[in-house]
Amino acid sequence: MKFINLILIFIAFITLSCETPTDSEIQIETKIATLIWTGDPATDGCGFFIEFDDTRYKPTNEKLIYESLETPYPTIVEIQFKNLNEKIDYSCGFSSPKEEKAIEVVTIKPITIRCGTTLTIIKTDKDYYALDSDTTINLEVINPFSTSVYYVCSGDIFLVELQNNIIHNSWKVHGFEECLAVKSIDSFEKAGFSIFLNNEFINLSNASFDEITDYRLKFLLYNNQDSLQLLSEELLYSEKFKIVK
């Protein structure tokens, strides 16, 4: 009888030791991470993703993340989270369900650098530009990664016209040789690219040029770990700006 009791106790011990830890038992971790907004799932977006340690995660409680972080460029954040060590299913609009590694966000806040400016990836040098034959938009690209990388623009760069955040017109931009140059950027440092709005190449006759109209640049930015090896490509938008004649 004693032997049977010992066996039962041993089995109970093994069962308890193999149980999955409860939510309250999962350790809260803190990381510097990249927050990526891919658009509203109701309109074919996939919501938020969080990247750190070369791994992409899907938060299980996205509603905790501020709407102000729903930006078209990555944001560097300090995040406290629980690694659930499982995968979560998610959908992008009406597409088939996908899965990604899951984390539960506890707190999240954007990291600020240099005079309190929130770290973004594409910044313009002005809020408005007067259009003439020499108009140049200088872009500041900030490396949000913990290692040095090379950046280069692709050849498909567009000037996008927005009214109430809805695209009304789009023009392909030419004359940007400097943008095609591969540039090395250290971790959390920045480099500049120039985009030329040359009237000889861009027909802006149907542009609005009014107070309610915003413009931004849309292009692919290639991220490389060396000058020859492609690491990733991202469709990015610059900050909004005005154009006046």
Protein backbone atom coordinates (compact mmCIF):
# COMPACT_ATOMS: atom_id res chain seq x y z
CA MET A 1 0.00 0.00 0.00
CA LYS A 2 2.81 2.36 0.89
CA PHE A 3 4.46 1.55 -2.42
CA ILE A 4 1.29 2.47 -4.36
CA ASN A 5 1.02 5.74 -2.42
CA LEU A 6 4.62 6.59 -3.29
CA ILE A 7 3.92 5.92 -6.97
CA LEU A 8 0.85 8.21 -6.89
CA ILE A 9 2.83 10.98 -5.18
CA PHE A 10 5.61 10.65 -7.76
CA ILE A 11 3.13 10.86 -10.66
CA ALA A 12 1.47 13.92 -9.13
CA PHE A 13 4.88 15.61 -8.72
CA ILE A 14 5.82 14.96 -12.36
CA THR A 15 2.42 16.24 -13.56
CA LEU A 16 2.72 19.48 -11.59
CA SER A 17 6.29 20.09 -12.71
CA CYS A 18 5.26 19.82 -16.39
CA GLU A 19 2.32 22.21 -16.20
CA THR A 20 2.48 25.41 -18.23
CA PRO A 21 3.13 28.43 -15.96
CA THR A 22 0.12 30.65 -15.35
CA ASP A 23 0.01 34.21 -16.70
CA SER A 24 0.94 35.59 -13.26
CA GLU A 25 4.02 33.36 -13.17
CA ILE A 26 5.45 34.54 -16.52
CA GLN A 27 8.35 36.91 -15.95
CA ILE A 28 8.04 40.50 -17.18
CA GLU A 29 10.95 41.45 -19.45
CA THR A 30 12.13 44.86 -20.69
CA LYS A 31 13.58 45.48 -24.15
CA ILE A 32 14.39 48.28 -26.58
CA ALA A 33 12.40 47.27 -29.65
CA THR A 34 11.13 48.44 -33.04
CA LEU A 35 7.35 48.97 -33.25
CA ILE A 36 5.89 48.54 -36.75
CA TRP A 37 2.36 49.57 -37.76
CA THR A 38 1.17 47.82 -40.94
CA GLY A 39 -2.32 49.33 -41.13
CA ASP A 40 -5.80 48.63 -39.81
CA PRO A 41 -6.74 44.92 -40.20
CA ALA A 42 -10.22 46.09 -41.27
CA THR A 43 -8.64 47.60 -44.40
CA ASP A 44 -6.15 44.85 -45.31
CA GLY A 45 -3.50 45.91 -42.78
CA CYS A 46 -2.04 43.53 -40.20
CA GLY A 47 -1.93 45.79 -37.15
CA PHE A 48 1.18 46.09 -34.95
CA PHE A 49 4.34 43.99 -34.89
CA ILE A 50 7.24 44.30 -32.47
CA GLU A 51 10.82 43.37 -33.34
CA PHE A 52 13.81 42.78 -31.09
CA ASP A 53 16.75 40.36 -31.03
CA ASP A 54 16.26 39.73 -34.78
CA THR A 55 12.78 38.25 -34.12
CA ARG A 56 9.30 39.54 -34.98
CA TYR A 57 6.43 39.20 -32.48
CA LYS A 58 2.69 39.86 -32.57
CA PRO A 59 1.19 41.49 -29.43
CA THR A 60 -1.91 39.77 -28.09
CA ASN A 61 -3.29 43.03 -26.66
CA GLU A 62 -2.73 45.58 -29.45
CA LYS A 63 -5.43 47.93 -28.11
CA LEU A 64 -3.02 48.84 -25.30
CA ILE A 65 -0.72 50.52 -27.85
CA TYR A 66 -1.41 54.22 -28.42
CA GLU A 67 -3.11 55.29 -31.67
CA SER A 68 -0.42 58.00 -31.99
CA LEU A 69 2.05 55.20 -32.73
CA GLU A 70 0.06 54.10 -35.80
CA THR A 71 2.64 55.70 -38.09
CA PRO A 72 3.89 54.64 -41.54
CA TYR A 73 7.47 54.44 -40.26
CA PRO A 74 9.02 52.27 -37.51
CA THR A 75 9.19 53.71 -33.99
CA ILE A 76 11.83 52.79 -31.41
CA VAL A 77 10.15 51.95 -28.10
CA GLU A 78 10.94 50.69 -24.63
CA ILE A 79 8.62 47.77 -23.98
CA GLN A 80 7.78 45.69 -20.93
CA PHE A 81 6.20 42.42 -21.94
CA LYS A 82 5.55 38.76 -21.18
CA ASN A 83 6.94 36.23 -23.64
CA LEU A 84 4.11 33.71 -23.96
CA ASN A 85 6.29 31.13 -25.76
CA GLU A 86 3.47 30.34 -28.16
CA LYS A 87 2.11 31.53 -31.48
CA ILE A 88 -0.95 33.67 -32.12
CA ASP A 89 -3.25 33.60 -35.16
CA TYR A 90 -4.05 36.92 -36.85
CA SER A 91 -5.67 38.12 -40.07
CA CYS A 92 -4.98 40.98 -42.47
CA GLY A 93 -8.35 42.10 -43.80
CA PHE A 94 -10.06 39.19 -45.53
CA SER A 95 -6.87 37.20 -46.14
CA SER A 96 -6.28 33.73 -44.72
CA PRO A 97 -5.19 33.59 -41.05
CA LYS A 98 -1.46 33.75 -40.33
CA GLU A 99 0.52 33.07 -37.19
CA GLU A 100 3.39 34.76 -35.39
CA LYS A 101 5.21 34.44 -32.08
CA ALA A 102 3.11 36.03 -29.33
CA ILE A 103 3.92 38.47 -26.55
CA GLU A 104 1.68 40.31 -24.11
CA VAL A 105 2.48 44.02 -23.78
CA VAL A 106 2.60 45.37 -20.22
CA THR A 107 3.85 48.91 -20.95
CA ILE A 108 5.17 50.60 -24.09
CA LYS A 109 6.59 54.08 -24.68
CA PRO A 110 8.50 55.69 -27.56
CA ILE A 111 12.14 56.51 -26.96
CA THR A 112 13.10 60.14 -27.46
CA ILE A 113 16.54 61.33 -28.52
CA ARG A 114 18.17 64.65 -29.36
CA CYS A 115 16.14 67.47 -27.83
CA GLY A 116 13.16 65.27 -27.11
CA THR A 117 12.26 64.49 -30.74
CA THR A 118 10.57 61.14 -31.16
CA LEU A 119 12.77 58.86 -33.21
CA THR A 120 11.35 58.34 -36.68
CA ILE A 121 12.94 56.88 -39.77
CA ILE A 122 12.26 59.46 -42.49
CA LYS A 123 12.25 63.18 -41.69
CA THR A 124 12.07 66.16 -44.04
CA ASP A 125 14.11 69.32 -43.58
CA LYS A 126 11.07 71.64 -43.98
CA ASP A 127 7.32 71.71 -43.41
CA TYR A 128 6.69 73.35 -46.79
CA TYR A 129 8.53 73.82 -50.10
CA ALA A 130 8.18 76.53 -52.75
CA LEU A 131 8.06 74.75 -56.10
CA ASP A 132 10.54 75.90 -58.73
CA SER A 133 13.16 74.30 -60.97
CA ASP A 134 15.63 73.94 -58.08
CA THR A 135 13.32 72.58 -55.37
CA THR A 136 15.12 69.95 -53.30
CA ILE A 137 13.72 67.92 -50.41
CA ASN A 138 16.42 66.82 -47.99
CA LEU A 139 15.53 63.65 -46.09
CA GLU A 140 17.04 62.48 -42.81
CA VAL A 141 17.16 58.71 -42.41
CA ILE A 142 17.71 57.42 -38.87
CA ASN A 143 19.02 53.91 -38.26
CA PRO A 144 16.69 52.40 -35.61
CA PHE A 145 18.71 49.21 -35.20
CA SER A 146 21.32 48.31 -32.59
CA THR A 147 23.97 47.64 -35.27
CA SER A 148 25.39 49.64 -38.16
CA VAL A 149 23.67 49.14 -41.51
CA TYR A 150 23.84 50.38 -45.08
CA TYR A 151 20.87 52.13 -46.65
CA VAL A 152 20.01 52.82 -50.27
CA CYS A 153 16.80 54.07 -51.91
CA SER A 154 15.24 52.22 -54.81
CA GLY A 155 14.54 53.89 -58.13
CA ASP A 156 10.77 53.99 -57.58
CA ILE A 157 10.11 57.14 -55.58
CA PHE A 158 6.72 58.86 -55.65
CA LEU A 159 5.39 62.22 -54.54
CA VAL A 160 1.95 61.54 -53.02
CA GLU A 161 -0.82 64.13 -52.65
CA LEU A 162 -3.15 63.70 -49.66
CA GLN A 163 -6.45 65.31 -48.72
CA ASN A 164 -7.80 64.23 -45.33
CA ASN A 165 -5.14 61.46 -45.41
CA ILE A 166 -6.64 60.06 -48.63
CA ILE A 167 -4.37 59.81 -51.70
CA HIS A 168 -5.65 61.94 -54.59
CA ASN A 169 -2.62 62.06 -56.89
CA SER A 170 0.79 60.45 -57.21
CA TRP A 171 3.78 61.40 -59.37
CA LYS A 172 7.01 59.50 -59.98
CA VAL A 173 10.03 61.54 -58.91
CA HIS A 174 13.22 61.71 -61.00
CA GLY A 175 16.65 63.28 -60.61
CA PHE A 176 17.77 61.65 -57.34
CA GLU A 177 21.25 60.25 -58.01
CA GLU A 178 22.38 60.88 -54.43
CA CYS A 179 19.52 58.74 -53.13
CA LEU A 180 20.86 55.77 -55.09
CA ALA A 181 24.20 55.95 -53.27
CA VAL A 182 24.73 53.30 -50.59
CA LYS A 183 25.33 54.97 -47.22
CA SER A 184 26.51 53.42 -43.98
CA ILE A 185 24.70 54.61 -40.83
CA ASP A 186 25.83 53.73 -37.30
CA SER A 187 23.35 52.55 -34.69
CA PHE A 188 20.81 55.29 -33.86
CA GLU A 189 22.69 57.73 -36.10
CA LYS A 190 21.43 59.45 -39.24
CA ALA A 191 22.34 60.18 -42.86
CA GLY A 192 20.86 62.43 -45.52
CA PHE A 193 19.36 61.83 -48.97
CA SER A 194 18.21 64.47 -51.44
CA ILE A 195 15.15 64.27 -53.70
CA PHE A 196 14.83 66.80 -56.52
CA LEU A 197 11.39 67.99 -57.64
CA ASN A 198 12.44 69.05 -61.11
CA ASN A 199 9.63 70.56 -63.21
CA GLU A 200 11.23 69.17 -66.36
CA PHE A 201 10.43 65.65 -65.22
CA ILE A 202 7.31 66.01 -63.06
CA ASN A 203 4.03 67.34 -64.43
CA LEU A 204 2.26 68.80 -61.40
CA SER A 205 -0.36 70.69 -63.41
CA ASN A 206 -3.18 68.83 -61.63
CA ALA A 207 -1.74 69.33 -58.14
CA SER A 208 -3.91 71.19 -55.62
CA PHE A 209 -1.38 73.42 -53.79
CA ASP A 210 -3.91 74.55 -51.18
CA GLU A 211 -4.00 74.73 -47.40
CA ILE A 212 -5.88 71.45 -46.88
CA THR A 213 -3.54 69.41 -49.07
CA ASP A 214 -0.48 67.57 -47.73
CA TYR A 215 2.30 65.83 -49.59
CA ARG A 216 4.76 63.11 -48.68
CA LEU A 217 7.33 60.93 -50.42
CA LYS A 218 6.80 57.19 -50.82
CA PHE A 219 9.65 54.84 -51.67
CA LEU A 220 11.45 51.61 -50.90
CA LEU A 221 14.43 51.79 -48.57
CA TYR A 222 16.85 48.89 -48.70
CA ASN A 223 18.62 47.89 -45.49
CA ASN A 224 21.93 46.03 -45.85
CA GLN A 225 24.41 44.61 -43.34
CA ASP A 226 27.14 45.22 -45.90
CA SER A 227 27.26 47.23 -49.10
CA LEU A 228 26.41 44.23 -51.32
CA GLN A 229 24.09 41.98 -49.29
CA LEU A 230 20.38 42.93 -49.13
CA LEU A 231 18.95 42.51 -45.62
CA SER A 232 15.41 43.81 -46.09
CA GLU A 233 13.29 46.32 -47.98
CA GLU A 234 10.52 48.46 -46.53
CA LEU A 235 7.88 50.63 -48.18
CA LEU A 236 8.21 53.90 -46.29
CA TYR A 237 6.70 57.37 -46.24
CA SER A 238 8.32 60.63 -45.29
CA GLU A 239 6.79 63.12 -42.90
CA LYS A 240 4.02 65.26 -44.40
CA PHE A 241 4.80 68.65 -45.91
CA LYS A 242 3.15 71.44 -47.94
CA ILE A 243 4.03 72.58 -51.47
CA VAL A 244 3.32 76.14 -52.60
CA LYS A 245 3.97 77.81 -55.95
